[in-house]
Amino acid sequence: MYVVPPPQRSDPGAGSASADSRVYQVWKGSNIFLLQGRFIFGPDVRSLGLTILLIVAPVTIFCVFVARRLMDHYSHYLGELIMAVAVVFTVYDLMLLLLTSGRDPGIIPRNLHPPEPEGLDGSTESGAGQTPQLRLPRIKEVEVNGIPVKIKYCDTCMLYRPPRCSHCSICNNCVERFDHHCPWVGQCIGLRNYRFFFMFVFSTTLLCIYVFAFCWVYVRKIMGSEDTTIWKAMIKTPASIVLIVYTFISMWFVGGLTAFHLYLISTNQTTYENFRYRYDRRANPYNKGFADNFKEIFCTSIPESKNDFREKVPREPVLPPRPGGGGFMSPNMGKAVDDIEMGRKTVWGDMGAGGDHFEGQLNSNERQNVKEGELGEFSPDIRTTVDETVDRAGVHPRRSSWGRKSGSWEMSPEVLALAARVGEPNHMGGSSSSGLANENRQT
């Protein structure tokens, strides 16, 4: 089961973040930051080096073995223009790659504490004098353009995800208008970088077509100048043949990806929505029409990031203690969650099969108090009752020099049950201590 941990009470003398810590230094996601938080990448940023190599290496071979030779077959300016276009196009492609992988894709900041429940769940069991458990609904419904859309609660970020938002299990963040996590750029593709991602894929497709075309032009020039067959011309320029094969295969990949995203943009879908929801079987609440869908992607301003990774971490205010007996329950408590949107779930302790039922059992604080013999908070007759019961059970605790019981006890189940009954009135503000002591003596 996945349980949201209770809010941690601030301790002025403790804390993992110093007074001068920045947000990127204590970031809870799996991202990697460079230049003191100016660039944010995914945890698989190393794959970015392979992507750069796959772009730069063939263009370098093209400039050295193809474009430089074409200068001899064309006029001076036209030959130089062929090489210049290849270099400028490559630099432009790499800039789009950096804008895609090195910026905030639309991460929604996490809540420090779970949201306040809107009501009480009447199905939760609570004893007399106890505060009922507060349970948040797992799913809510909101309307988008008159169509009901379900939004889910994220246990990791402790918030209700806005429409079209999803939790990336690789970066461990909730991302607005989540499209997918691209391993080739090492970053999530979302609201703030989808435009650059599409332009990167599209420009890579054009670059492949450019190199492919001029490699064939060079082969044809060799055939014309030496009056030879195509096979002999290909043997004279093996670099061109390698580039032709490489760019042909690459065009199927990046070209197919470009066509797929053109379809997604025209219908105002994301990759995640297309594979998960299948809007062709039901109404798409986000579809505004062909022209308006393209305007939304390319002709609207990119929203500001909701995160300032370089700002100082604000100090968390001290929270008042919560009343005992009640608490916050995650929507997923007691349920196995099988949701591909979810990232790494936070588990509160190693809870056993009976961890949700506390009747007749000690909580950790009470058990520790009984173990250490620290019963000074109870009345004298309660302490006497517990001491007498311990003696009757054959347990002989060690006594320290000042007469108080200390050390570890090997307590029988009867002693544990009695200690649990001793802790209930004190924990819930129930009956008086003297009344419980009389009841124990009668028993």
Protein backbone atom coordinates (compact mmCIF):
# COMPACT_ATOMS: atom_id res chain seq x y z
CA MET A 1 0.00 0.00 0.00
CA TYR A 2 1.14 3.55 -0.66
CA VAL A 3 0.66 5.92 2.23
CA VAL A 4 1.39 9.62 2.29
CA PRO A 5 3.70 10.41 5.21
CA PRO A 6 2.46 12.90 7.78
CA PRO A 7 3.87 16.43 7.60
CA GLN A 8 7.18 16.75 9.35
CA ARG A 9 7.24 19.31 12.13
CA SER A 10 9.95 21.83 11.68
CA ASP A 11 12.81 21.78 14.14
CA PRO A 12 14.85 24.97 14.28
CA GLY A 13 17.91 22.98 15.22
CA ALA A 14 17.59 20.38 12.50
CA GLY A 15 17.10 20.31 8.77
CA SER A 16 18.76 18.98 5.68
CA ALA A 17 18.91 22.38 3.99
CA SER A 18 21.11 25.15 5.27
CA ALA A 19 20.03 28.77 5.39
CA ASP A 20 21.77 29.50 2.06
CA SER A 21 20.56 26.40 0.17
CA ARG A 22 19.05 26.87 -3.24
CA VAL A 23 16.03 25.05 -4.63
CA TYR A 24 18.09 23.06 -7.14
CA GLN A 25 20.34 21.80 -4.32
CA VAL A 26 17.48 20.22 -2.36
CA TRP A 27 15.31 19.26 -5.36
CA LYS A 28 13.36 16.08 -4.65
CA GLY A 29 13.03 15.01 -8.27
CA SER A 30 15.60 12.95 -10.18
CA ASN A 31 16.78 15.85 -12.32
CA ILE A 32 20.38 16.90 -12.90
CA PHE A 33 21.25 20.61 -12.78
CA LEU A 34 24.11 22.44 -14.48
CA LEU A 35 25.51 25.96 -14.10
CA GLN A 36 24.01 26.41 -10.62
CA GLY A 37 20.46 25.58 -11.61
CA ARG A 38 20.37 27.44 -14.91
CA PHE A 39 19.90 24.21 -16.86
CA ILE A 40 17.75 21.29 -15.76
CA PHE A 41 18.08 17.85 -17.35
CA GLY A 42 16.59 14.45 -16.79
CA PRO A 43 18.48 11.67 -14.98
CA ASP A 44 19.35 10.07 -18.35
CA VAL A 45 21.14 13.17 -19.63
CA ARG A 46 24.11 11.03 -20.72
CA SER A 47 22.08 9.88 -23.71
CA LEU A 48 22.23 13.48 -24.90
CA GLY A 49 25.90 12.95 -25.79
CA LEU A 50 24.98 10.05 -28.06
CA THR A 51 22.32 12.15 -29.79
CA ILE A 52 24.82 14.96 -30.42
CA LEU A 53 27.33 12.46 -31.81
CA LEU A 54 24.74 10.99 -34.18
CA ILE A 55 24.12 14.49 -35.57
CA VAL A 56 27.60 16.00 -35.64
CA ALA A 57 29.56 12.98 -36.91
CA PRO A 58 27.72 12.49 -40.23
CA VAL A 59 27.66 16.25 -40.92
CA THR A 60 31.42 16.41 -40.33
CA ILE A 61 31.98 13.54 -42.76
CA PHE A 62 29.72 15.29 -45.27
CA CYS A 63 31.64 18.57 -45.05
CA VAL A 64 35.06 16.93 -45.34
CA PHE A 65 34.44 14.29 -48.02
CA VAL A 66 31.43 15.59 -49.97
CA ALA A 67 30.81 19.34 -49.63
CA ARG A 68 34.51 20.21 -50.00
CA ARG A 69 34.73 18.17 -53.22
CA LEU A 70 31.57 19.76 -54.58
CA MET A 71 33.37 23.13 -54.57
CA ASP A 72 35.39 21.85 -57.54
CA HIS A 73 32.25 21.05 -59.54
CA TYR A 74 30.36 24.28 -58.82
CA SER A 75 31.25 27.92 -58.89
CA HIS A 76 33.17 29.32 -55.98
CA TYR A 77 30.21 30.82 -54.09
CA LEU A 78 27.77 28.00 -54.75
CA GLY A 79 30.22 25.37 -53.46
CA GLU A 80 30.85 27.31 -50.27
CA LEU A 81 27.12 27.83 -49.81
CA ILE A 82 26.52 24.07 -49.78
CA MET A 83 28.94 23.64 -46.88
CA ALA A 84 27.74 26.75 -45.05
CA VAL A 85 24.11 25.62 -45.13
CA ALA A 86 25.09 22.24 -43.67
CA VAL A 87 27.05 23.87 -40.83
CA VAL A 88 24.38 26.48 -39.99
CA PHE A 89 21.62 23.87 -40.14
CA THR A 90 23.55 21.66 -37.72
CA VAL A 91 24.15 24.49 -35.25
CA TYR A 92 20.45 25.38 -35.40
CA ASP A 93 19.52 21.76 -34.78
CA LEU A 94 21.80 21.55 -31.74
CA MET A 95 20.35 24.77 -30.31
CA LEU A 96 16.85 23.29 -30.54
CA LEU A 97 18.14 20.16 -28.84
CA LEU A 98 19.50 22.22 -25.95
CA LEU A 99 16.27 24.20 -25.63
CA THR A 100 14.37 20.92 -25.47
CA SER A 101 16.52 19.06 -22.97
CA GLY A 102 17.92 21.86 -20.79
CA ARG A 103 14.78 23.74 -19.72
CA ASP A 104 11.91 23.15 -17.31
CA PRO A 105 9.34 21.14 -19.31
CA GLY A 106 6.49 22.37 -17.10
CA ILE A 107 7.14 20.83 -13.70
CA ILE A 108 4.47 21.48 -11.08
CA PRO A 109 6.03 22.20 -7.66
CA ARG A 110 5.31 19.65 -4.98
CA ASN A 111 3.19 20.42 -1.97
CA LEU A 112 4.99 20.35 1.35
CA HIS A 113 1.90 18.83 2.95
CA PRO A 114 -1.17 16.99 1.69
CA PRO A 115 -4.13 19.17 0.75
CA GLU A 116 -6.84 19.69 3.34
CA PRO A 117 -9.61 17.09 2.98
CA GLU A 118 -12.96 18.54 1.99
CA GLY A 119 -14.90 16.32 4.38
CA LEU A 120 -14.83 13.28 6.56
CA ASP A 121 -15.18 9.75 5.27
CA GLY A 122 -17.99 8.19 7.21
CA SER A 123 -16.84 4.67 6.44
CA THR A 124 -13.70 5.01 8.52
CA GLU A 125 -13.86 3.40 11.92
CA SER A 126 -13.01 5.40 15.02
CA GLY A 127 -13.48 4.69 18.67
CA ALA A 128 -15.16 6.87 21.25
CA GLY A 129 -13.31 10.13 21.67
CA GLN A 130 -11.13 9.54 18.61
CA THR A 131 -10.83 11.84 15.63
CA PRO A 132 -12.08 10.12 12.45
CA GLN A 133 -9.55 9.47 9.72
CA LEU A 134 -9.56 12.09 6.96
CA ARG A 135 -9.56 10.44 3.53
CA LEU A 136 -8.99 12.27 0.26
CA PRO A 137 -10.83 11.06 -2.84
CA ARG A 138 -8.63 9.23 -5.29
CA ILE A 139 -10.18 10.85 -8.38
CA LYS A 140 -12.03 14.11 -8.96
CA GLU A 141 -13.98 15.33 -11.94
CA VAL A 142 -13.61 18.73 -13.58
CA GLU A 143 -15.17 20.12 -16.73
CA VAL A 144 -13.08 21.08 -19.76
CA ASN A 145 -15.08 22.76 -22.52
CA GLY A 146 -18.25 21.17 -21.18
CA ILE A 147 -16.79 17.64 -21.10
CA PRO A 148 -16.10 15.95 -17.72
CA VAL A 149 -12.43 15.07 -17.24
CA LYS A 150 -11.05 13.01 -14.37
CA ILE A 151 -8.02 14.24 -12.46
CA LYS A 152 -6.01 12.03 -10.15
CA TYR A 153 -4.27 12.57 -6.84
CA CYS A 154 -0.48 12.17 -6.92
CA ASP A 155 0.90 10.58 -3.75
CA THR A 156 4.46 11.63 -4.56
CA CYS A 157 3.78 15.33 -5.18
CA MET A 158 0.78 15.44 -2.77
CA LEU A 159 -1.48 17.34 -5.18
CA TYR A 160 -4.32 16.82 -7.61
CA ARG A 161 -2.84 16.83 -11.09
CA PRO A 162 -4.33 19.44 -13.42
CA PRO A 163 -5.90 18.19 -16.66
CA ARG A 164 -3.34 16.79 -19.14
CA CYS A 165 -0.77 16.56 -16.35
CA SER A 166 0.98 13.29 -15.56
CA HIS A 167 3.75 12.08 -13.25
CA CYS A 168 6.94 11.01 -15.01
CA SER A 169 8.37 7.96 -13.27
CA ILE A 170 11.86 8.68 -14.67
CA CYS A 171 12.20 12.33 -13.62
CA ASN A 172 9.86 11.82 -10.63
CA ASN A 173 7.93 15.04 -11.32
CA CYS A 174 4.41 16.00 -12.30
CA VAL A 175 4.61 17.71 -15.71
CA GLU A 176 1.95 19.91 -17.31
CA ARG A 177 0.65 18.74 -20.68
CA PHE A 178 2.88 15.69 -20.38
CA ASP A 179 3.62 14.21 -23.80
CA HIS A 180 6.29 11.59 -23.07
CA HIS A 181 9.80 11.18 -21.67
CA CYS A 182 12.25 11.17 -24.56
CA PRO A 183 15.46 9.20 -23.86
CA TRP A 184 17.17 10.74 -26.90
CA VAL A 185 17.03 14.23 -25.38
CA GLY A 186 17.17 13.06 -21.74
CA GLN A 187 14.17 15.12 -20.67
CA CYS A 188 10.39 15.06 -20.32
CA ILE A 189 8.45 16.64 -23.15
CA GLY A 190 5.72 18.87 -21.78
CA LEU A 191 4.02 22.24 -21.93
CA ARG A 192 7.16 24.40 -22.00
CA ASN A 193 9.40 22.45 -24.41
CA TYR A 194 7.07 20.59 -26.78
CA ARG A 195 7.39 23.31 -29.42
CA PHE A 196 11.19 23.03 -29.40
CA PHE A 197 11.03 19.23 -29.42
CA PHE A 198 8.90 19.19 -32.58
CA MET A 199 11.12 21.78 -34.26
CA PHE A 200 14.19 19.71 -33.35
CA VAL A 201 12.72 16.53 -34.83
CA PHE A 202 11.53 18.36 -37.94
CA SER A 203 14.87 20.15 -38.52
CA THR A 204 16.73 16.85 -38.05
CA THR A 205 14.54 15.36 -40.76
CA LEU A 206 15.38 18.24 -43.11
CA LEU A 207 19.08 17.89 -42.32
CA CYS A 208 18.97 14.20 -43.21
CA ILE A 209 17.23 15.01 -46.50
CA TYR A 210 19.83 17.69 -47.26
CA VAL A 211 22.81 15.41 -46.68
CA PHE A 212 21.13 12.51 -48.52
CA ALA A 213 20.37 14.67 -51.56
CA PHE A 214 23.82 16.24 -51.97
CA CYS A 215 25.54 12.88 -51.52
CA TRP A 216 23.60 11.66 -54.57
CA VAL A 217 24.45 14.89 -56.38
CA TYR A 218 28.15 14.20 -55.78
CA VAL A 219 27.79 10.64 -57.09
CA ARG A 220 26.07 11.97 -60.22
CA LYS A 221 28.86 14.55 -60.69
CA ILE A 222 31.46 11.78 -60.63
CA MET A 223 29.46 9.79 -63.19
CA GLY A 224 29.24 12.83 -65.48
CA SER A 225 32.86 13.97 -65.19
CA GLU A 226 34.43 10.53 -65.61
CA ASP A 227 31.74 9.02 -67.85
CA THR A 228 31.45 5.92 -65.69
CA THR A 229 28.69 3.75 -64.24
CA ILE A 230 26.92 4.41 -60.96
CA TRP A 231 28.64 1.46 -59.28
CA LYS A 232 32.13 2.68 -60.19
CA ALA A 233 31.19 6.20 -59.07
CA MET A 234 29.98 4.86 -55.72
CA ILE A 235 33.27 3.00 -55.26
CA LYS A 236 35.16 6.27 -55.79
CA THR A 237 33.25 7.96 -52.92
CA PRO A 238 32.61 5.43 -50.12
CA ALA A 239 31.85 8.26 -47.67
CA SER A 240 28.88 9.27 -49.78
CA ILE A 241 27.53 5.71 -49.80
CA VAL A 242 27.83 5.45 -46.02
CA LEU A 243 26.02 8.77 -45.60
CA ILE A 244 23.30 7.77 -48.06
CA VAL A 245 22.56 4.58 -46.11
CA TYR A 246 22.77 6.33 -42.74
CA THR A 247 20.51 9.26 -43.65
CA PHE A 248 18.01 6.96 -45.40
CA ILE A 249 17.55 4.92 -42.21
CA SER A 250 17.45 8.07 -40.06
CA MET A 251 14.80 9.65 -42.28
CA TRP A 252 12.44 6.77 -41.58
CA PHE A 253 12.87 7.30 -37.86
CA VAL A 254 12.80 11.10 -37.50
CA GLY A 255 10.54 11.54 -40.51
CA GLY A 256 8.00 9.10 -39.13
CA LEU A 257 8.20 10.84 -35.75
CA THR A 258 7.61 14.20 -37.44
CA ALA A 259 4.55 12.89 -39.27
CA PHE A 260 3.15 11.37 -36.08
CA HIS A 261 3.50 14.62 -34.14
CA LEU A 262 1.97 16.59 -37.00
CA TYR A 263 -1.08 14.37 -36.57
CA LEU A 264 -1.04 14.92 -32.79
CA ILE A 265 -0.80 18.70 -33.18
CA SER A 266 -3.61 18.81 -35.74
CA THR A 267 -5.91 16.93 -33.35
CA ASN A 268 -4.57 18.57 -30.16
CA GLN A 269 -3.43 15.37 -28.49
CA THR A 270 -0.35 14.30 -26.61
CA THR A 271 1.51 11.05 -27.11
CA TYR A 272 0.35 9.87 -23.69
CA GLU A 273 -3.28 10.69 -24.42
CA ASN A 274 -3.14 9.04 -27.83
CA PHE A 275 -1.89 5.73 -26.44
CA ARG A 276 -3.94 5.78 -23.22
CA TYR A 277 -7.29 7.43 -23.93
CA ARG A 278 -7.87 6.94 -27.67
CA TYR A 279 -9.83 10.10 -28.44
CA ASP A 280 -11.02 8.56 -31.71
CA ARG A 281 -13.45 6.56 -29.58
CA ARG A 282 -14.75 9.51 -27.59
CA ALA A 283 -14.81 13.29 -27.66
CA ASN A 284 -11.54 15.17 -27.26
CA PRO A 285 -12.21 18.15 -24.95
CA TYR A 286 -9.02 19.93 -26.07
CA ASN A 287 -9.57 19.87 -29.85
CA LYS A 288 -10.11 23.45 -31.11
CA GLY A 289 -9.98 22.77 -34.80
CA PHE A 290 -7.09 22.26 -37.22
CA ALA A 291 -5.91 25.89 -37.48
CA ASP A 292 -6.38 26.79 -33.81
CA ASN A 293 -4.56 23.65 -32.72
CA PHE A 294 -1.47 24.69 -34.68
CA LYS A 295 -1.75 28.24 -33.33
CA GLU A 296 -1.81 26.91 -29.78
CA ILE A 297 1.52 25.15 -30.28
CA PHE A 298 3.44 27.64 -32.42
CA CYS A 299 1.79 31.05 -32.01
CA THR A 300 1.21 31.36 -28.27
CA SER A 301 3.64 32.54 -25.64
CA ILE A 302 5.34 29.88 -23.55
CA PRO A 303 4.19 30.20 -19.92
CA GLU A 304 6.69 31.10 -17.24
CA SER A 305 8.19 28.31 -15.19
CA LYS A 306 6.52 27.64 -11.85
CA ASN A 307 9.94 26.92 -10.35
CA ASP A 308 12.80 29.27 -9.57
CA PHE A 309 15.60 26.76 -9.13
CA ARG A 310 18.11 29.40 -8.06
CA GLU A 311 16.08 31.01 -5.29
CA LYS A 312 16.82 30.30 -1.64
CA VAL A 313 14.83 27.57 0.04
CA PRO A 314 12.13 29.13 2.23
CA ARG A 315 12.05 28.00 5.84
CA GLU A 316 9.08 25.83 6.65
CA PRO A 317 6.83 27.26 9.38
CA VAL A 318 6.39 25.31 12.60
CA LEU A 319 3.23 23.21 12.52
CA PRO A 320 1.01 22.72 15.59
CA PRO A 321 0.81 19.14 16.85
CA ARG A 322 -2.03 17.10 15.44
CA PRO A 323 -4.63 15.57 17.74
CA GLY A 324 -3.94 11.89 18.45
CA GLY A 325 -6.27 9.20 17.21
CA GLY A 326 -6.91 10.80 13.83
CA GLY A 327 -4.81 11.51 10.82
CA PHE A 328 -4.57 11.81 7.09
CA MET A 329 -5.11 8.80 4.89
CA SER A 330 -3.89 8.66 1.31
CA PRO A 331 -6.46 7.84 -1.37
CA ASN A 332 -4.38 4.75 -2.09
CA MET A 333 -4.20 3.43 1.49
CA GLY A 334 -4.99 -0.25 1.55
CA LYS A 335 -5.19 -0.44 -2.25
CA ALA A 336 -2.66 -1.66 -4.73
CA VAL A 337 -2.11 1.08 -7.28
CA ASP A 338 -1.26 0.06 -10.81
CA ASP A 339 -0.92 3.36 -12.64
CA ILE A 340 1.82 3.97 -15.14
CA GLU A 341 1.57 7.69 -14.43
CA MET A 342 2.80 7.25 -10.88
CA GLY A 343 6.42 7.70 -10.04
CA ARG A 344 8.21 6.38 -7.03
CA LYS A 345 5.72 6.09 -4.19
CA THR A 346 6.50 7.16 -0.67
CA VAL A 347 5.95 4.40 1.88
CA TRP A 348 5.53 5.26 5.52
CA GLY A 349 7.40 2.58 7.34
CA ASP A 350 7.11 -1.15 6.74
CA MET A 351 3.48 -1.65 7.64
CA GLY A 352 2.32 -5.21 8.21
CA ALA A 353 -0.98 -6.80 7.36
CA GLY A 354 -2.55 -5.44 10.50
CA GLY A 355 -0.94 -2.04 10.38
CA ASP A 356 -4.23 -0.27 9.73
CA HIS A 357 -5.93 -1.51 12.93
CA PHE A 358 -4.81 -0.16 16.26
CA GLU A 359 -7.38 -1.67 18.63
CA GLY A 360 -5.74 -3.59 21.46
CA GLN A 361 -2.25 -2.71 20.24
CA LEU A 362 0.37 -0.28 21.43
CA ASN A 363 1.52 2.59 19.31
CA SER A 364 5.24 3.15 19.04
CA ASN A 365 5.40 5.91 21.68
CA GLU A 366 3.45 3.97 24.28
CA ARG A 367 5.48 0.81 23.69
CA GLN A 368 8.68 2.78 24.08
CA ASN A 369 7.40 4.34 27.31
CA VAL A 370 6.54 0.93 28.73
CA LYS A 371 9.86 -0.55 27.60
CA GLU A 372 11.86 2.19 29.26
CA GLY A 373 9.70 2.28 32.38
CA GLU A 374 8.82 5.91 31.87
CA LEU A 375 5.32 5.87 33.40
CA GLY A 376 5.74 9.11 35.26
CA GLU A 377 3.07 10.78 33.13
CA PHE A 378 0.40 8.48 34.56
CA SER A 379 -1.12 8.71 38.03
CA PRO A 380 0.52 6.82 40.95
CA ASP A 381 -2.26 4.22 41.24
CA ILE A 382 -1.92 3.40 37.50
CA ARG A 383 1.79 2.96 37.90
CA THR A 384 1.19 0.76 40.93
CA THR A 385 -1.25 -1.37 38.97
CA VAL A 386 1.21 -1.85 36.12
CA ASP A 387 4.07 -2.58 38.52
CA GLU A 388 2.00 -5.14 40.43
CA THR A 389 0.94 -6.83 37.21
CA VAL A 390 4.53 -6.95 36.00
CA ASP A 391 5.59 -8.55 39.26
CA ARG A 392 2.80 -11.12 39.05
CA ALA A 393 3.84 -11.91 35.46
CA GLY A 394 7.29 -12.87 36.70
CA VAL A 395 9.12 -10.01 35.12
CA HIS A 396 11.83 -8.49 37.31
CA PRO A 397 13.08 -5.25 35.80
CA ARG A 398 16.36 -3.80 36.87
CA ARG A 399 16.32 -0.83 39.22
CA SER A 400 18.71 2.05 38.81
CA SER A 401 20.51 3.81 41.64
CA TRP A 402 17.62 6.24 42.21
CA GLY A 403 14.98 3.53 42.41
CA ARG A 404 13.22 3.95 39.02
CA LYS A 405 12.78 0.97 36.75
CA SER A 406 15.01 1.11 33.68
CA GLY A 407 16.38 -1.15 31.03
CA SER A 408 14.59 -3.48 28.63
CA TRP A 409 11.68 -5.69 29.69
CA GLU A 410 10.70 -9.08 28.43
CA MET A 411 6.97 -8.52 28.84
CA SER A 412 4.25 -11.11 28.51
CA PRO A 413 1.22 -10.49 26.26
CA GLU A 414 -0.92 -9.76 29.35
CA VAL A 415 1.38 -6.88 30.31
CA LEU A 416 1.27 -5.47 26.77
CA ALA A 417 -2.53 -5.62 26.72
CA LEU A 418 -2.73 -3.89 30.12
CA ALA A 419 -0.31 -1.18 28.99
CA ALA A 420 -2.47 -0.60 25.92
CA ARG A 421 -5.52 -0.09 28.12
CA VAL A 422 -3.50 2.24 30.34
CA GLY A 423 -2.49 4.35 27.31
CA GLU A 424 -6.00 4.72 25.83
CA PRO A 425 -7.51 7.10 28.42
CA ASN A 426 -4.36 9.16 28.53
CA HIS A 427 -4.17 9.29 24.73
CA MET A 428 -7.86 10.04 24.09
CA GLY A 429 -8.77 12.02 27.15
CA GLY A 430 -11.22 9.33 28.29
CA SER A 431 -12.04 8.09 31.83
CA SER A 432 -9.94 9.01 34.84
CA SER A 433 -6.82 7.12 35.84
CA SER A 434 -8.21 6.09 39.22
CA GLY A 435 -11.26 4.50 37.59
CA LEU A 436 -9.05 2.41 35.30
CA ALA A 437 -6.93 1.32 38.24
CA ASN A 438 -10.05 0.13 40.11
CA GLU A 439 -11.20 -1.75 37.07
CA ASN A 440 -7.81 -3.48 36.79
CA ARG A 441 -7.91 -4.47 40.48
CA GLN A 442 -11.36 -5.99 40.00
CA THR A 443 -10.06 -7.92 37.01
